[in-house]
């Protein structure tokens, strides 16, 4: 997100998180810091997520403070030691993994003690926001202890399929390009029923 008028309307839907991309190569890049105008629109009940890709550690911590973030999403090749350094500073971390048809979930387990959540996304060169799905059946191979976000090409037509996923570590869904009018501009007419349906979903 980066458009104040769009964010003003989005917060009325009461999402749990709003993401801000700090990766300069992304077409959704927010800039070096979240503008104060945007901060004033977001209530404390909604967590601000800073999304970074291979950001130098000191730079990330600086942006964490300056942008008053609530949680960090690491979408690059960051190693467990990088996450551990954030944990020492009490910075909550979501670590993203790019899922392929032959993905080895053993590769995520070294991150379990140093991350709060995992995020499983489609493997593309775009580092997210590709609009592509991976085969969700592979999630059955994940036997870890960290709750995970499901991401990658999710659209409003996927809600029943997502509800049918019975994995007990599925924590949240991360939606992006499937609910956009253009990069960084959310389609609230699609998001509103999607969020409502999930928030009122009973197992």
N, C-alpha and C. Protein backbone atom coordinates (compact mmCIF):
# COMPACT_ATOMS: atom_id res chain seq x y z
N UNK A 1 0.84 -1.19 0.00
CA UNK A 1 0.00 0.00 0.00
C UNK A 1 0.88 1.25 0.00
N UNK A 2 0.36 2.31 -0.66
CA UNK A 2 1.12 3.55 -0.65
C UNK A 2 0.26 4.79 -0.96
N UNK A 3 -1.00 4.58 -1.32
CA UNK A 3 -1.88 5.70 -1.66
C UNK A 3 -2.75 6.05 -0.46
N UNK A 4 -2.60 7.24 0.13
CA UNK A 4 -3.38 7.60 1.32
C UNK A 4 -4.89 7.43 1.15
N UNK A 5 -5.44 7.85 0.02
CA UNK A 5 -6.90 7.76 -0.16
C UNK A 5 -7.35 6.30 -0.17
N UNK A 6 -6.53 5.41 -0.71
CA UNK A 6 -6.83 3.99 -0.76
C UNK A 6 -6.72 3.36 0.62
N UNK A 7 -5.69 3.75 1.36
CA UNK A 7 -5.49 3.24 2.72
C UNK A 7 -6.60 3.71 3.64
N UNK A 8 -7.05 4.95 3.47
CA UNK A 8 -8.13 5.49 4.30
C UNK A 8 -9.39 4.62 4.21
N UNK A 9 -9.68 4.13 3.02
CA UNK A 9 -10.85 3.28 2.84
C UNK A 9 -10.57 1.84 3.27
N UNK A 10 -9.34 1.39 3.04
CA UNK A 10 -8.99 0.01 3.39
C UNK A 10 -9.11 -0.24 4.89
N UNK A 11 -8.68 0.69 5.72
CA UNK A 11 -8.69 0.46 7.16
C UNK A 11 -10.11 0.27 7.68
N UNK A 12 -11.10 0.74 6.96
CA UNK A 12 -12.50 0.54 7.37
C UNK A 12 -12.88 -0.93 7.30
N UNK A 13 -12.15 -1.71 6.50
CA UNK A 13 -12.40 -3.14 6.39
C UNK A 13 -11.72 -3.93 7.50
N UNK A 14 -10.90 -3.25 8.29
CA UNK A 14 -10.23 -3.83 9.45
C UNK A 14 -9.38 -5.07 9.12
N UNK A 15 -8.45 -4.95 8.17
CA UNK A 15 -7.52 -6.07 7.96
C UNK A 15 -6.59 -6.19 9.17
N UNK A 16 -5.99 -7.34 9.33
CA UNK A 16 -5.07 -7.55 10.46
C UNK A 16 -3.71 -6.91 10.21
N UNK A 17 -3.31 -6.86 8.94
CA UNK A 17 -1.99 -6.33 8.56
C UNK A 17 -2.13 -5.47 7.31
N UNK A 18 -1.26 -4.50 7.18
CA UNK A 18 -1.09 -3.75 5.93
C UNK A 18 0.40 -3.76 5.60
N UNK A 19 0.72 -4.15 4.37
CA UNK A 19 2.12 -4.28 3.98
C UNK A 19 2.65 -3.07 3.24
N UNK A 20 3.94 -2.77 3.49
CA UNK A 20 4.64 -1.69 2.82
C UNK A 20 5.95 -2.23 2.27
N UNK A 21 6.15 -2.08 0.97
CA UNK A 21 7.30 -2.67 0.30
C UNK A 21 8.48 -1.71 0.33
N UNK A 22 9.58 -2.15 0.94
CA UNK A 22 10.80 -1.35 1.02
C UNK A 22 11.88 -1.87 0.06
N UNK A 23 11.45 -2.56 -0.97
CA UNK A 23 12.37 -3.11 -1.97
C UNK A 23 12.35 -2.19 -3.19
N UNK A 24 13.43 -1.45 -3.45
CA UNK A 24 13.42 -0.45 -4.51
C UNK A 24 13.08 -0.98 -5.90
N UNK A 25 13.34 -2.25 -6.16
CA UNK A 25 13.06 -2.80 -7.47
C UNK A 25 11.59 -3.16 -7.67
N UNK A 26 10.81 -3.08 -6.61
CA UNK A 26 9.39 -3.39 -6.71
C UNK A 26 8.61 -2.21 -7.25
N UNK A 27 7.60 -2.49 -8.08
CA UNK A 27 6.73 -1.42 -8.58
C UNK A 27 5.78 -0.93 -7.50
N UNK A 28 5.81 -1.57 -6.32
CA UNK A 28 5.00 -1.13 -5.19
C UNK A 28 5.85 -0.45 -4.11
N UNK A 29 7.06 -0.05 -4.45
CA UNK A 29 8.01 0.54 -3.51
C UNK A 29 7.40 1.77 -2.81
N UNK A 30 7.42 1.77 -1.47
CA UNK A 30 6.86 2.86 -0.70
C UNK A 30 7.81 4.04 -0.58
N UNK A 31 9.11 3.78 -0.74
CA UNK A 31 10.13 4.79 -0.53
C UNK A 31 10.98 4.42 0.66
N UNK A 32 11.79 5.34 1.13
CA UNK A 32 12.71 5.04 2.23
C UNK A 32 12.03 5.05 3.59
N UNK A 33 10.86 5.70 3.67
CA UNK A 33 10.16 5.79 4.95
C UNK A 33 8.67 5.95 4.66
N UNK A 34 7.83 5.42 5.55
CA UNK A 34 6.38 5.59 5.40
C UNK A 34 6.02 7.03 5.77
N UNK A 35 5.36 7.77 4.89
CA UNK A 35 5.01 9.16 5.19
C UNK A 35 4.10 9.28 6.41
N UNK A 36 4.25 10.34 7.16
CA UNK A 36 3.43 10.56 8.35
C UNK A 36 1.95 10.61 8.01
N UNK A 37 1.63 11.11 6.82
CA UNK A 37 0.24 11.17 6.40
C UNK A 37 -0.40 9.79 6.40
N UNK A 38 0.38 8.78 6.02
CA UNK A 38 -0.13 7.41 6.01
C UNK A 38 -0.22 6.87 7.43
N UNK A 39 0.79 7.13 8.26
CA UNK A 39 0.75 6.67 9.65
C UNK A 39 -0.52 7.11 10.35
N UNK A 40 -0.93 8.33 10.12
CA UNK A 40 -2.09 8.88 10.81
C UNK A 40 -3.39 8.19 10.44
N UNK A 41 -3.37 7.45 9.34
CA UNK A 41 -4.58 6.78 8.88
C UNK A 41 -4.77 5.38 9.46
N UNK A 42 -3.70 4.81 10.02
CA UNK A 42 -3.72 3.40 10.42
C UNK A 42 -3.88 3.26 11.93
N UNK A 43 -4.97 2.67 12.39
CA UNK A 43 -5.17 2.49 13.84
C UNK A 43 -4.21 1.45 14.40
N UNK A 44 -4.02 1.49 15.70
CA UNK A 44 -3.10 0.56 16.35
C UNK A 44 -3.50 -0.90 16.25
N UNK A 45 -4.77 -1.16 15.93
CA UNK A 45 -5.25 -2.53 15.81
C UNK A 45 -4.77 -3.22 14.53
N UNK A 46 -4.25 -2.43 13.59
CA UNK A 46 -3.75 -2.98 12.32
C UNK A 46 -2.23 -2.90 12.33
N UNK A 47 -1.56 -4.03 12.14
CA UNK A 47 -0.11 -4.07 12.18
C UNK A 47 0.49 -3.65 10.83
N UNK A 48 1.52 -2.82 10.91
CA UNK A 48 2.23 -2.36 9.73
C UNK A 48 3.41 -3.30 9.46
N UNK A 49 3.39 -3.91 8.29
CA UNK A 49 4.42 -4.88 7.91
C UNK A 49 5.39 -4.22 6.92
N UNK A 50 6.67 -4.25 7.25
CA UNK A 50 7.70 -3.77 6.34
C UNK A 50 8.30 -4.94 5.59
N UNK A 51 8.21 -4.93 4.26
CA UNK A 51 8.70 -6.03 3.44
C UNK A 51 10.05 -5.65 2.85
N UNK A 52 11.07 -6.48 3.14
CA UNK A 52 12.44 -6.19 2.72
C UNK A 52 13.03 -7.38 1.96
N UNK A 53 13.95 -7.07 1.06
CA UNK A 53 14.65 -8.10 0.28
C UNK A 53 16.15 -7.85 0.39
N UNK A 54 16.82 -8.70 1.15
CA UNK A 54 18.29 -8.63 1.29
C UNK A 54 18.76 -7.23 1.70
N UNK A 55 18.03 -6.61 2.60
CA UNK A 55 18.39 -5.28 3.09
C UNK A 55 19.57 -5.37 4.05
N UNK A 56 20.57 -4.51 3.94
CA UNK A 56 21.64 -4.50 4.95
C UNK A 56 21.03 -4.35 6.35
N UNK A 57 21.59 -5.07 7.30
CA UNK A 57 20.96 -5.16 8.62
C UNK A 57 20.75 -3.80 9.27
N UNK A 58 21.78 -2.97 9.29
CA UNK A 58 21.68 -1.67 9.96
C UNK A 58 20.63 -0.79 9.28
N UNK A 59 20.54 -0.88 7.95
CA UNK A 59 19.54 -0.11 7.22
C UNK A 59 18.14 -0.56 7.56
N UNK A 60 17.94 -1.87 7.68
CA UNK A 60 16.63 -2.38 8.03
C UNK A 60 16.20 -1.89 9.41
N UNK A 61 17.09 -1.97 10.37
CA UNK A 61 16.75 -1.54 11.73
C UNK A 61 16.42 -0.05 11.75
N UNK A 62 17.15 0.72 10.98
CA UNK A 62 16.87 2.16 10.90
C UNK A 62 15.48 2.42 10.33
N UNK A 63 15.12 1.69 9.30
CA UNK A 63 13.80 1.86 8.68
C UNK A 63 12.70 1.32 9.59
N UNK A 64 12.99 0.29 10.34
CA UNK A 64 12.05 -0.23 11.34
C UNK A 64 11.66 0.87 12.32
N UNK A 65 12.65 1.60 12.78
CA UNK A 65 12.40 2.67 13.76
C UNK A 65 11.71 3.86 13.09
N UNK A 66 12.26 4.32 11.98
CA UNK A 66 11.75 5.53 11.33
C UNK A 66 10.33 5.35 10.81
N UNK A 67 10.00 4.16 10.35
CA UNK A 67 8.67 3.93 9.79
C UNK A 67 7.69 3.34 10.80
N UNK A 68 8.13 3.20 12.05
CA UNK A 68 7.23 2.75 13.13
C UNK A 68 6.52 1.44 12.75
N UNK A 69 7.32 0.49 12.26
CA UNK A 69 6.77 -0.79 11.83
C UNK A 69 6.45 -1.68 13.02
N UNK A 70 5.55 -2.63 12.81
CA UNK A 70 5.18 -3.58 13.86
C UNK A 70 5.80 -4.95 13.65
N UNK A 71 6.10 -5.27 12.40
CA UNK A 71 6.65 -6.59 12.09
C UNK A 71 7.39 -6.49 10.75
N UNK A 72 8.41 -7.33 10.60
CA UNK A 72 9.24 -7.35 9.39
C UNK A 72 8.95 -8.62 8.60
N UNK A 73 8.84 -8.48 7.27
CA UNK A 73 8.76 -9.64 6.39
C UNK A 73 10.02 -9.67 5.54
N UNK A 74 10.76 -10.76 5.63
CA UNK A 74 12.01 -10.92 4.89
C UNK A 74 11.74 -11.78 3.66
N UNK A 75 11.94 -11.20 2.48
CA UNK A 75 11.56 -11.87 1.25
C UNK A 75 12.76 -12.18 0.36
N UNK A 76 13.95 -12.16 0.93
CA UNK A 76 15.14 -12.45 0.15
C UNK A 76 15.83 -13.72 0.61
N UNK A 77 17.16 -13.70 0.49
CA UNK A 77 17.94 -14.87 0.87
C UNK A 77 18.55 -14.76 2.26
N UNK A 78 17.87 -14.06 3.14
CA UNK A 78 18.39 -13.86 4.51
C UNK A 78 18.60 -15.21 5.22
N UNK A 79 19.67 -15.29 5.99
CA UNK A 79 20.02 -16.52 6.69
C UNK A 79 19.49 -16.50 8.13
N UNK A 80 19.46 -17.66 8.79
CA UNK A 80 18.97 -17.69 10.17
C UNK A 80 19.67 -16.71 11.10
N UNK A 81 20.98 -16.49 10.91
CA UNK A 81 21.70 -15.57 11.79
C UNK A 81 21.17 -14.14 11.67
N UNK A 82 20.77 -13.76 10.47
CA UNK A 82 20.18 -12.43 10.24
C UNK A 82 18.89 -12.31 11.06
N UNK A 83 18.06 -13.34 10.99
CA UNK A 83 16.81 -13.34 11.75
C UNK A 83 17.07 -13.34 13.25
N UNK A 84 18.10 -14.05 13.66
CA UNK A 84 18.44 -14.11 15.08
C UNK A 84 18.82 -12.73 15.61
N UNK A 85 19.55 -11.96 14.82
CA UNK A 85 19.93 -10.60 15.23
C UNK A 85 18.70 -9.72 15.41
N UNK A 86 17.68 -9.93 14.57
CA UNK A 86 16.44 -9.18 14.74
C UNK A 86 15.70 -9.62 15.99
N UNK A 87 15.73 -10.90 16.25
CA UNK A 87 15.05 -11.44 17.44
C UNK A 87 15.66 -10.87 18.71
N UNK A 88 16.98 -10.72 18.72
CA UNK A 88 17.66 -10.14 19.88
C UNK A 88 17.15 -8.73 20.16
N UNK A 89 16.76 -8.03 19.10
CA UNK A 89 16.24 -6.66 19.23
C UNK A 89 14.72 -6.64 19.43
N UNK A 90 14.13 -7.83 19.62
CA UNK A 90 12.68 -7.96 19.82
C UNK A 90 11.88 -7.44 18.63
N UNK A 91 12.41 -7.65 17.44
CA UNK A 91 11.70 -7.29 16.21
C UNK A 91 11.03 -8.55 15.65
N UNK A 92 9.71 -8.60 15.60
CA UNK A 92 9.01 -9.78 15.07
C UNK A 92 9.31 -9.98 13.59
N UNK A 93 9.42 -11.24 13.19
CA UNK A 93 9.86 -11.56 11.83
C UNK A 93 8.93 -12.59 11.17
N UNK A 94 8.55 -12.27 9.93
CA UNK A 94 7.94 -13.24 9.02
C UNK A 94 8.98 -13.56 7.96
N UNK A 95 9.36 -14.82 7.85
CA UNK A 95 10.35 -15.20 6.81
C UNK A 95 9.62 -15.86 5.65
N UNK A 96 9.80 -15.29 4.46
CA UNK A 96 9.16 -15.81 3.26
C UNK A 96 10.03 -16.85 2.57
N UNK A 97 9.37 -17.87 2.01
CA UNK A 97 10.05 -18.91 1.25
C UNK A 97 9.34 -19.08 -0.09
N UNK A 98 10.13 -19.22 -1.14
CA UNK A 98 9.59 -19.41 -2.48
C UNK A 98 9.39 -20.90 -2.73
N UNK A 99 8.15 -21.29 -2.96
CA UNK A 99 7.80 -22.70 -3.04
C UNK A 99 7.77 -23.19 -4.49
N UNK A 100 8.53 -24.22 -4.76
CA UNK A 100 8.54 -24.89 -6.05
C UNK A 100 7.93 -26.28 -5.91
N UNK A 101 7.76 -26.97 -7.01
CA UNK A 101 7.15 -28.30 -6.96
C UNK A 101 8.00 -29.30 -6.20
N UNK A 102 9.32 -29.05 -6.13
CA UNK A 102 10.21 -29.96 -5.42
C UNK A 102 10.82 -29.32 -4.18
N UNK A 103 10.11 -28.32 -3.62
CA UNK A 103 10.63 -27.60 -2.45
C UNK A 103 10.86 -28.55 -1.28
N UNK A 104 11.99 -28.38 -0.61
CA UNK A 104 12.35 -29.21 0.54
C UNK A 104 12.07 -28.42 1.81
N UNK A 105 11.03 -28.79 2.53
CA UNK A 105 10.66 -28.05 3.74
C UNK A 105 11.68 -28.19 4.85
N UNK A 106 12.62 -29.11 4.72
CA UNK A 106 13.70 -29.18 5.71
C UNK A 106 14.52 -27.89 5.74
N UNK A 107 14.48 -27.14 4.63
CA UNK A 107 15.26 -25.90 4.56
C UNK A 107 14.69 -24.80 5.44
N UNK A 108 13.43 -24.92 5.87
CA UNK A 108 12.84 -23.86 6.70
C UNK A 108 13.08 -24.09 8.19
N UNK A 109 13.36 -25.32 8.58
CA UNK A 109 13.42 -25.64 10.00
C UNK A 109 14.54 -24.93 10.77
N UNK A 110 15.69 -24.61 10.14
CA UNK A 110 16.70 -23.83 10.88
C UNK A 110 16.23 -22.43 11.27
N UNK A 111 15.13 -21.96 10.68
CA UNK A 111 14.60 -20.62 10.98
C UNK A 111 13.55 -20.64 12.10
N UNK A 112 13.17 -21.82 12.55
CA UNK A 112 12.02 -21.90 13.47
C UNK A 112 12.23 -21.14 14.78
N UNK A 113 13.43 -21.19 15.33
CA UNK A 113 13.66 -20.57 16.63
C UNK A 113 13.93 -19.07 16.53
N UNK A 114 14.09 -18.56 15.31
CA UNK A 114 14.45 -17.14 15.16
C UNK A 114 13.42 -16.34 14.37
N UNK A 115 12.29 -16.98 14.03
CA UNK A 115 11.22 -16.29 13.31
C UNK A 115 9.89 -16.52 14.02
N UNK A 116 8.98 -15.59 13.85
CA UNK A 116 7.67 -15.73 14.46
C UNK A 116 6.68 -16.44 13.54
N UNK A 117 6.82 -16.17 12.25
CA UNK A 117 5.94 -16.77 11.25
C UNK A 117 6.76 -17.08 10.00
N UNK A 118 6.22 -18.00 9.20
CA UNK A 118 6.73 -18.22 7.86
C UNK A 118 5.68 -17.73 6.87
N UNK A 119 6.12 -17.47 5.65
CA UNK A 119 5.21 -17.14 4.56
C UNK A 119 5.61 -17.97 3.36
N UNK A 120 4.66 -18.72 2.82
CA UNK A 120 4.93 -19.57 1.67
C UNK A 120 4.32 -18.94 0.43
N UNK A 121 5.20 -18.62 -0.52
CA UNK A 121 4.81 -17.86 -1.71
C UNK A 121 5.28 -18.60 -2.96
N UNK A 122 4.77 -18.20 -4.10
CA UNK A 122 5.18 -18.80 -5.37
C UNK A 122 6.61 -18.38 -5.71
N UNK A 123 7.35 -19.28 -6.28
CA UNK A 123 8.74 -19.00 -6.66
C UNK A 123 8.76 -18.28 -8.00
N UNK A 124 9.14 -17.00 -7.99
CA UNK A 124 9.30 -16.22 -9.22
C UNK A 124 10.47 -15.27 -9.03
N UNK A 125 10.89 -14.63 -10.10
CA UNK A 125 11.97 -13.66 -10.01
C UNK A 125 11.50 -12.32 -9.45
N UNK A 126 10.18 -12.17 -9.28
CA UNK A 126 9.63 -10.88 -8.86
C UNK A 126 9.66 -10.68 -7.35
N UNK A 127 10.04 -11.70 -6.57
CA UNK A 127 10.07 -11.58 -5.11
C UNK A 127 8.69 -11.23 -4.57
N UNK A 128 7.65 -11.90 -5.09
CA UNK A 128 6.29 -11.66 -4.63
C UNK A 128 5.53 -10.77 -5.58
N UNK A 129 4.19 -10.76 -5.41
CA UNK A 129 3.35 -9.93 -6.26
C UNK A 129 3.28 -10.38 -7.69
N UNK A 130 3.54 -11.67 -7.94
CA UNK A 130 3.58 -12.17 -9.32
C UNK A 130 2.21 -12.54 -9.85
N UNK A 131 1.26 -12.79 -8.96
CA UNK A 131 -0.05 -13.24 -9.38
C UNK A 131 -0.09 -14.73 -9.70
N UNK A 132 0.97 -15.45 -9.38
CA UNK A 132 1.05 -16.88 -9.68
C UNK A 132 0.88 -17.71 -8.41
N UNK A 133 0.23 -18.85 -8.55
CA UNK A 133 0.04 -19.78 -7.44
C UNK A 133 1.07 -20.90 -7.50
N UNK A 134 1.31 -21.51 -6.34
CA UNK A 134 2.00 -22.79 -6.31
C UNK A 134 0.97 -23.85 -5.95
N UNK A 135 1.35 -25.11 -6.05
CA UNK A 135 0.44 -26.22 -5.74
C UNK A 135 0.27 -26.32 -4.22
N UNK A 136 -0.88 -25.95 -3.72
CA UNK A 136 -1.10 -25.92 -2.27
C UNK A 136 -1.05 -27.30 -1.62
N UNK A 137 -1.15 -28.35 -2.41
CA UNK A 137 -1.07 -29.71 -1.84
C UNK A 137 0.28 -29.95 -1.17
N UNK A 138 1.31 -29.24 -1.64
CA UNK A 138 2.65 -29.44 -1.07
C UNK A 138 2.72 -28.98 0.38
N UNK A 139 1.78 -28.17 0.82
CA UNK A 139 1.78 -27.70 2.21
C UNK A 139 1.66 -28.86 3.19
N UNK A 140 1.13 -29.99 2.76
CA UNK A 140 1.01 -31.15 3.63
C UNK A 140 2.37 -31.68 4.06
N UNK A 141 3.41 -31.28 3.34
CA UNK A 141 4.75 -31.74 3.69
C UNK A 141 5.38 -30.91 4.81
N UNK A 142 4.76 -29.78 5.12
CA UNK A 142 5.30 -28.91 6.17
C UNK A 142 4.91 -29.46 7.54
N UNK A 143 5.90 -29.83 8.34
CA UNK A 143 5.67 -30.41 9.66
C UNK A 143 6.24 -29.53 10.77
N UNK A 144 6.46 -28.27 10.48
CA UNK A 144 7.10 -27.38 11.44
C UNK A 144 6.18 -26.86 12.52
N UNK A 145 6.75 -26.04 13.40
CA UNK A 145 6.00 -25.49 14.53
C UNK A 145 5.57 -24.05 14.32
N UNK A 146 6.17 -23.35 13.34
CA UNK A 146 5.82 -21.95 13.11
C UNK A 146 4.51 -21.83 12.31
N UNK A 147 3.58 -20.99 12.74
CA UNK A 147 2.41 -20.71 11.91
C UNK A 147 2.85 -20.06 10.61
N UNK A 148 2.06 -20.24 9.55
CA UNK A 148 2.46 -19.68 8.26
C UNK A 148 1.34 -18.89 7.58
N UNK A 149 1.80 -17.90 6.79
CA UNK A 149 0.92 -17.15 5.90
C UNK A 149 0.93 -17.87 4.55
N UNK A 150 -0.22 -17.95 3.91
CA UNK A 150 -0.32 -18.46 2.55
C UNK A 150 -0.36 -17.28 1.59
N UNK A 151 0.49 -17.30 0.58
CA UNK A 151 0.57 -16.20 -0.37
C UNK A 151 0.77 -16.75 -1.77
N UNK A 152 0.64 -15.87 -2.76
CA UNK A 152 0.92 -16.26 -4.12
C UNK A 152 -0.31 -16.38 -5.00
N UNK A 153 -0.67 -15.31 -5.68
CA UNK A 153 -1.73 -15.36 -6.68
C UNK A 153 -3.13 -15.58 -6.15
N UNK A 154 -3.37 -15.29 -4.89
CA UNK A 154 -4.69 -15.51 -4.31
C UNK A 154 -5.69 -14.50 -4.87
N UNK A 155 -6.87 -15.01 -5.27
CA UNK A 155 -7.94 -14.18 -5.81
C UNK A 155 -9.22 -14.42 -5.01
N UNK A 156 -10.22 -13.59 -5.24
CA UNK A 156 -11.46 -13.72 -4.48
C UNK A 156 -12.14 -15.06 -4.75
N UNK A 157 -11.88 -15.65 -5.92
CA UNK A 157 -12.49 -16.94 -6.26
C UNK A 157 -11.84 -18.11 -5.53
N UNK A 158 -10.77 -17.85 -4.79
CA UNK A 158 -10.05 -18.93 -4.10
C UNK A 158 -10.52 -19.18 -2.68
N UNK A 159 -11.49 -18.43 -2.21
CA UNK A 159 -11.81 -18.47 -0.80
C UNK A 159 -12.25 -19.86 -0.34
N UNK A 160 -13.05 -20.56 -1.13
CA UNK A 160 -13.50 -21.89 -0.71
C UNK A 160 -12.34 -22.88 -0.69
N UNK A 161 -11.43 -22.76 -1.66
CA UNK A 161 -10.27 -23.65 -1.70
C UNK A 161 -9.38 -23.43 -0.49
N UNK A 162 -9.22 -22.15 -0.09
CA UNK A 162 -8.38 -21.85 1.08
C UNK A 162 -9.04 -22.40 2.35
N UNK A 163 -10.33 -22.24 2.46
CA UNK A 163 -11.04 -22.75 3.64
C UNK A 163 -10.94 -24.26 3.77
N UNK A 164 -10.73 -24.92 2.63
CA UNK A 164 -10.65 -26.39 2.66
C UNK A 164 -9.28 -26.89 3.08
N UNK A 165 -8.29 -25.98 3.19
CA UNK A 165 -6.95 -26.38 3.64
C UNK A 165 -7.00 -26.66 5.13
N UNK A 166 -6.70 -27.86 5.53
CA UNK A 166 -6.88 -28.27 6.92
C UNK A 166 -5.60 -28.22 7.75
N UNK A 167 -4.53 -27.69 7.19
CA UNK A 167 -3.26 -27.65 7.91
C UNK A 167 -3.40 -26.80 9.16
N UNK A 168 -3.02 -27.34 10.31
CA UNK A 168 -3.26 -26.63 11.58
C UNK A 168 -2.29 -25.48 11.83
N UNK A 169 -1.32 -25.28 10.94
CA UNK A 169 -0.41 -24.14 11.09
C UNK A 169 -0.72 -23.02 10.10
N UNK A 170 -1.77 -23.18 9.30
CA UNK A 170 -2.18 -22.09 8.42
C UNK A 170 -2.76 -20.97 9.28
N UNK A 171 -2.07 -19.84 9.30
CA UNK A 171 -2.39 -18.74 10.21
C UNK A 171 -3.13 -17.60 9.52
N UNK A 172 -2.76 -17.27 8.29
CA UNK A 172 -3.32 -16.11 7.61
C UNK A 172 -3.10 -16.23 6.12
N UNK A 173 -3.81 -15.41 5.36
CA UNK A 173 -3.57 -15.32 3.92
C UNK A 173 -3.06 -13.92 3.60
N UNK A 174 -2.11 -13.87 2.69
CA UNK A 174 -1.49 -12.62 2.27
C UNK A 174 -1.95 -12.35 0.84
N UNK A 175 -2.77 -11.32 0.65
CA UNK A 175 -3.29 -11.03 -0.69
C UNK A 175 -2.64 -9.77 -1.23
N UNK A 176 -2.47 -9.76 -2.55
CA UNK A 176 -1.81 -8.62 -3.17
C UNK A 176 -2.34 -8.39 -4.58
N UNK A 177 -1.64 -8.89 -5.59
CA UNK A 177 -1.94 -8.54 -6.97
C UNK A 177 -3.34 -8.96 -7.41
N UNK A 178 -3.87 -10.04 -6.83
CA UNK A 178 -5.20 -10.50 -7.20
C UNK A 178 -6.31 -9.57 -6.75
N UNK A 179 -5.96 -8.57 -5.94
CA UNK A 179 -6.95 -7.62 -5.44
C UNK A 179 -6.52 -6.18 -5.75
N UNK A 180 -5.81 -6.01 -6.84
CA UNK A 180 -5.32 -4.69 -7.22
C UNK A 180 -5.98 -4.18 -8.50
N UNK A 181 -6.19 -2.88 -8.53
CA UNK A 181 -6.58 -2.19 -9.76
C UNK A 181 -5.33 -1.92 -10.59
N UNK A 182 -4.27 -1.54 -9.89
CA UNK A 182 -2.94 -1.39 -10.46
C UNK A 182 -1.97 -1.59 -9.31
N UNK A 183 -0.68 -1.66 -9.61
CA UNK A 183 0.31 -1.93 -8.57
C UNK A 183 0.21 -0.92 -7.43
N UNK A 184 -0.03 -1.42 -6.22
CA UNK A 184 -0.09 -0.55 -5.05
C UNK A 184 -1.46 0.06 -4.79
N UNK A 185 -2.45 -0.25 -5.63
CA UNK A 185 -3.79 0.31 -5.46
C UNK A 185 -4.79 -0.84 -5.34
N UNK A 186 -5.32 -1.02 -4.14
CA UNK A 186 -6.20 -2.15 -3.87
C UNK A 186 -7.63 -1.90 -4.38
N UNK A 187 -8.25 -2.99 -4.87
CA UNK A 187 -9.63 -2.97 -5.32
C UNK A 187 -10.51 -3.33 -4.12
N UNK A 188 -11.07 -2.32 -3.49
CA UNK A 188 -11.82 -2.53 -2.25
C UNK A 188 -13.13 -3.28 -2.49
N UNK A 189 -13.66 -3.21 -3.69
CA UNK A 189 -14.90 -3.94 -3.98
C UNK A 189 -14.65 -5.45 -3.99
N UNK A 190 -13.43 -5.85 -4.27
CA UNK A 190 -13.07 -7.27 -4.19
C UNK A 190 -12.64 -7.64 -2.77
N UNK A 191 -11.92 -6.74 -2.13
CA UNK A 191 -11.39 -7.04 -0.80
C UNK A 191 -12.47 -7.12 0.27
N UNK A 192 -13.46 -6.25 0.20
CA UNK A 192 -14.47 -6.17 1.26
C UNK A 192 -15.17 -7.50 1.51
N UNK A 193 -15.74 -8.16 0.50
CA UNK A 193 -16.40 -9.45 0.77
C UNK A 193 -15.43 -10.54 1.15
N UNK A 194 -14.22 -10.47 0.62
CA UNK A 194 -13.20 -11.48 0.93
C UNK A 194 -12.84 -11.43 2.42
N UNK A 195 -12.54 -10.23 2.91
CA UNK A 195 -12.19 -10.06 4.32
C UNK A 195 -13.37 -10.42 5.21
N UNK A 196 -14.55 -9.97 4.85
CA UNK A 196 -15.73 -10.27 5.66
C UNK A 196 -15.96 -11.77 5.78
N UNK A 197 -15.84 -12.46 4.66
CA UNK A 197 -16.08 -13.90 4.64
C UNK A 197 -15.10 -14.63 5.54
N UNK A 198 -13.81 -14.23 5.50
CA UNK A 198 -12.82 -14.89 6.34
C UNK A 198 -13.00 -14.57 7.82
N UNK A 199 -13.31 -13.34 8.13
CA UNK A 199 -13.45 -12.96 9.53
C UNK A 199 -14.68 -13.61 10.16
N UNK A 200 -15.62 -14.03 9.34
CA UNK A 200 -16.83 -14.68 9.85
C UNK A 200 -16.84 -16.18 9.58
N UNK A 201 -15.68 -16.70 9.17
CA UNK A 201 -15.57 -18.12 8.88
C UNK A 201 -15.43 -18.93 10.15
N UNK A 202 -16.24 -19.96 10.29
CA UNK A 202 -16.16 -20.85 11.44
C UNK A 202 -15.83 -22.24 10.96
N UNK A 203 -14.84 -22.84 11.61
CA UNK A 203 -14.42 -24.20 11.22
C UNK A 203 -15.51 -25.20 11.62
